[in-house]
């Protein structure tokens, strides 16, 4: 699905879809599974997905909820 505007909600959809693909990738899946587990509903994954969503929202929309370091 394409979106006409960039919003935090749309960014989250993109991040979730991207990492769903990552977990199916033969080359890089093991790295993420080792660090975060194989279930994206886990607390570790949710923290990671929220952090990435906040980062990309800050970069693209000026949202100020990102508190990490690049």
Protein backbone atom coordinates (compact mmCIF):
# COMPACT_ATOMS: atom_id res chain seq x y z
CA UNK A 1 0.00 0.00 0.00
CA UNK A 2 1.32 3.41 -0.89
CA UNK A 3 0.64 6.47 1.21
CA UNK A 4 0.29 10.06 0.09
CA UNK A 5 1.76 11.47 3.29
CA UNK A 6 4.38 10.39 5.78
CA UNK A 7 3.01 9.85 9.27
CA UNK A 8 4.30 8.02 12.31
CA UNK A 9 1.60 5.40 11.81
CA UNK A 10 2.69 4.83 8.18
CA UNK A 11 6.31 4.64 9.28
CA UNK A 12 5.41 1.92 11.79
CA UNK A 13 3.75 -0.09 9.04
CA UNK A 14 6.92 0.22 6.94
CA UNK A 15 9.19 -0.75 9.86
CA UNK A 16 7.03 -3.77 10.73
CA UNK A 17 6.96 -4.95 7.12
CA UNK A 18 10.69 -4.48 6.74
CA UNK A 19 11.54 -6.50 9.84
CA UNK A 20 9.02 -9.20 8.91
CA UNK A 21 11.07 -9.60 5.74
CA UNK A 22 14.32 -9.52 7.71
CA UNK A 23 13.19 -12.49 9.80
CA UNK A 24 12.66 -14.49 6.61
CA UNK A 25 16.02 -13.58 5.08
CA UNK A 26 18.56 -16.42 5.04
CA UNK A 27 21.53 -14.07 5.27
CA UNK A 28 20.60 -11.73 8.13
CA UNK A 29 17.72 -13.31 10.06
CA UNK A 30 19.98 -15.19 12.48
CA UNK A 31 21.63 -11.97 13.67
CA UNK A 32 18.30 -10.39 14.61
CA UNK A 33 16.90 -13.60 16.07
CA UNK A 34 19.98 -13.96 18.28
CA UNK A 35 19.63 -10.38 19.55
CA UNK A 36 15.84 -9.99 19.70
CA UNK A 37 14.25 -13.42 19.34
CA UNK A 38 12.10 -14.84 16.58
CA UNK A 39 8.75 -13.36 17.62
CA UNK A 40 8.15 -9.70 16.79
CA UNK A 41 5.55 -9.52 19.55
CA UNK A 42 8.23 -9.93 22.22
CA UNK A 43 9.14 -7.00 24.47
CA UNK A 44 12.62 -6.86 22.93
CA UNK A 45 11.26 -6.58 19.40
CA UNK A 46 8.59 -4.06 20.39
CA UNK A 47 11.24 -1.85 22.00
CA UNK A 48 13.39 -2.09 18.85
CA UNK A 49 10.46 -1.41 16.50
CA UNK A 50 9.31 1.56 18.57
CA UNK A 51 12.83 2.98 18.61
CA UNK A 52 13.19 2.66 14.84
CA UNK A 53 9.74 4.14 14.28
CA UNK A 54 10.59 7.09 16.51
CA UNK A 55 13.93 7.55 14.71
CA UNK A 56 12.41 7.59 11.23
CA UNK A 57 9.55 9.81 12.36
CA UNK A 58 12.10 12.29 13.73
CA UNK A 59 14.06 12.21 10.46
CA UNK A 60 11.05 12.57 8.16
CA UNK A 61 8.40 14.51 10.07
CA UNK A 62 10.25 16.37 12.81
CA UNK A 63 8.58 14.26 15.51
CA UNK A 64 10.51 14.69 18.75
CA UNK A 65 9.86 11.35 20.46
CA UNK A 66 13.21 9.80 19.47
CA UNK A 67 15.63 9.81 22.42
CA UNK A 68 18.43 7.60 21.13
CA UNK A 69 21.72 8.20 19.45
CA UNK A 70 22.05 7.26 15.79
